[in-house]
């Protein structure tokens, strides 16, 4: 999944994603999310990417987005 593209399609910003990640117990700063979305290989970034995909899928369902 291309997370940045999906955020744009959903009309969401990276800061929206960061807020939701923080709510779910993944405390991260903007730079960490940017690095994770760029694909840098680190365990925390893997968790950020995995949870981001879940969040996007939930947002899609809420918006009846395919």
Protein backbone atom coordinates (compact mmCIF):
# COMPACT_ATOMS: atom_id res chain seq x y z
CA UNK A 1 0.00 0.00 0.00
CA UNK A 2 1.29 3.46 -0.87
CA UNK A 3 0.33 5.22 2.36
CA UNK A 4 1.06 8.76 1.17
CA UNK A 5 -1.19 8.32 -1.88
CA UNK A 6 -3.99 6.83 0.22
CA UNK A 7 -3.80 9.76 2.64
CA UNK A 8 -4.26 12.15 -0.27
CA UNK A 9 -7.20 10.18 -1.65
CA UNK A 10 -8.85 10.23 1.76
CA UNK A 11 -8.26 13.95 2.23
CA UNK A 12 -6.14 13.25 5.31
CA UNK A 13 -2.84 14.73 6.36
CA UNK A 14 0.18 13.07 7.84
CA UNK A 15 -0.59 14.86 11.11
CA UNK A 16 -4.00 13.11 11.18
CA UNK A 17 -2.18 9.80 10.88
CA UNK A 18 0.27 10.76 13.64
CA UNK A 19 -2.58 11.66 16.00
CA UNK A 20 -4.26 8.32 15.36
CA UNK A 21 -0.99 6.41 15.81
CA UNK A 22 -0.44 8.18 19.13
CA UNK A 23 -3.98 7.28 20.24
CA UNK A 24 -3.12 3.64 19.54
CA UNK A 25 -0.01 3.72 21.69
CA UNK A 26 2.59 4.27 18.99
CA UNK A 27 4.21 7.49 20.13
CA UNK A 28 5.94 9.00 17.15
CA UNK A 29 7.07 12.32 15.83
CA UNK A 30 6.57 13.69 12.34
CA UNK A 31 10.13 12.82 11.31
CA UNK A 32 9.70 9.20 12.41
CA UNK A 33 6.51 8.85 10.38
CA UNK A 34 8.16 10.46 7.35
CA UNK A 35 11.08 8.06 7.63
CA UNK A 36 8.74 5.09 8.06
CA UNK A 37 6.68 6.08 5.02
CA UNK A 38 9.90 6.45 3.02
CA UNK A 39 10.56 2.79 3.75
CA UNK A 40 13.56 3.00 6.04
CA UNK A 41 14.10 -0.37 7.72
CA UNK A 42 13.76 -0.12 11.50
CA UNK A 43 11.54 -2.12 13.84
CA UNK A 44 9.62 0.96 15.03
CA UNK A 45 9.12 2.08 11.44
CA UNK A 46 7.76 -1.36 10.57
CA UNK A 47 5.19 -0.97 13.37
CA UNK A 48 4.32 2.53 12.16
CA UNK A 49 3.77 1.29 8.60
CA UNK A 50 1.70 -1.72 9.68
CA UNK A 51 -0.55 0.31 11.97
CA UNK A 52 -0.84 3.08 9.37
CA UNK A 53 -2.19 0.57 6.87
CA UNK A 54 -4.79 -0.58 9.40
CA UNK A 55 -5.80 3.02 10.11
CA UNK A 56 -6.16 3.80 6.41
CA UNK A 57 -8.30 0.72 5.87
CA UNK A 58 -10.56 1.82 8.72
CA UNK A 59 -10.82 5.34 7.29
CA UNK A 60 -11.68 3.88 3.88
CA UNK A 61 -14.47 1.80 5.40
CA UNK A 62 -15.87 4.86 7.19
CA UNK A 63 -15.90 6.81 3.91
CA UNK A 64 -17.18 3.86 1.83
CA UNK A 65 -14.03 4.18 -0.22
CA UNK A 66 -12.84 1.39 -2.50
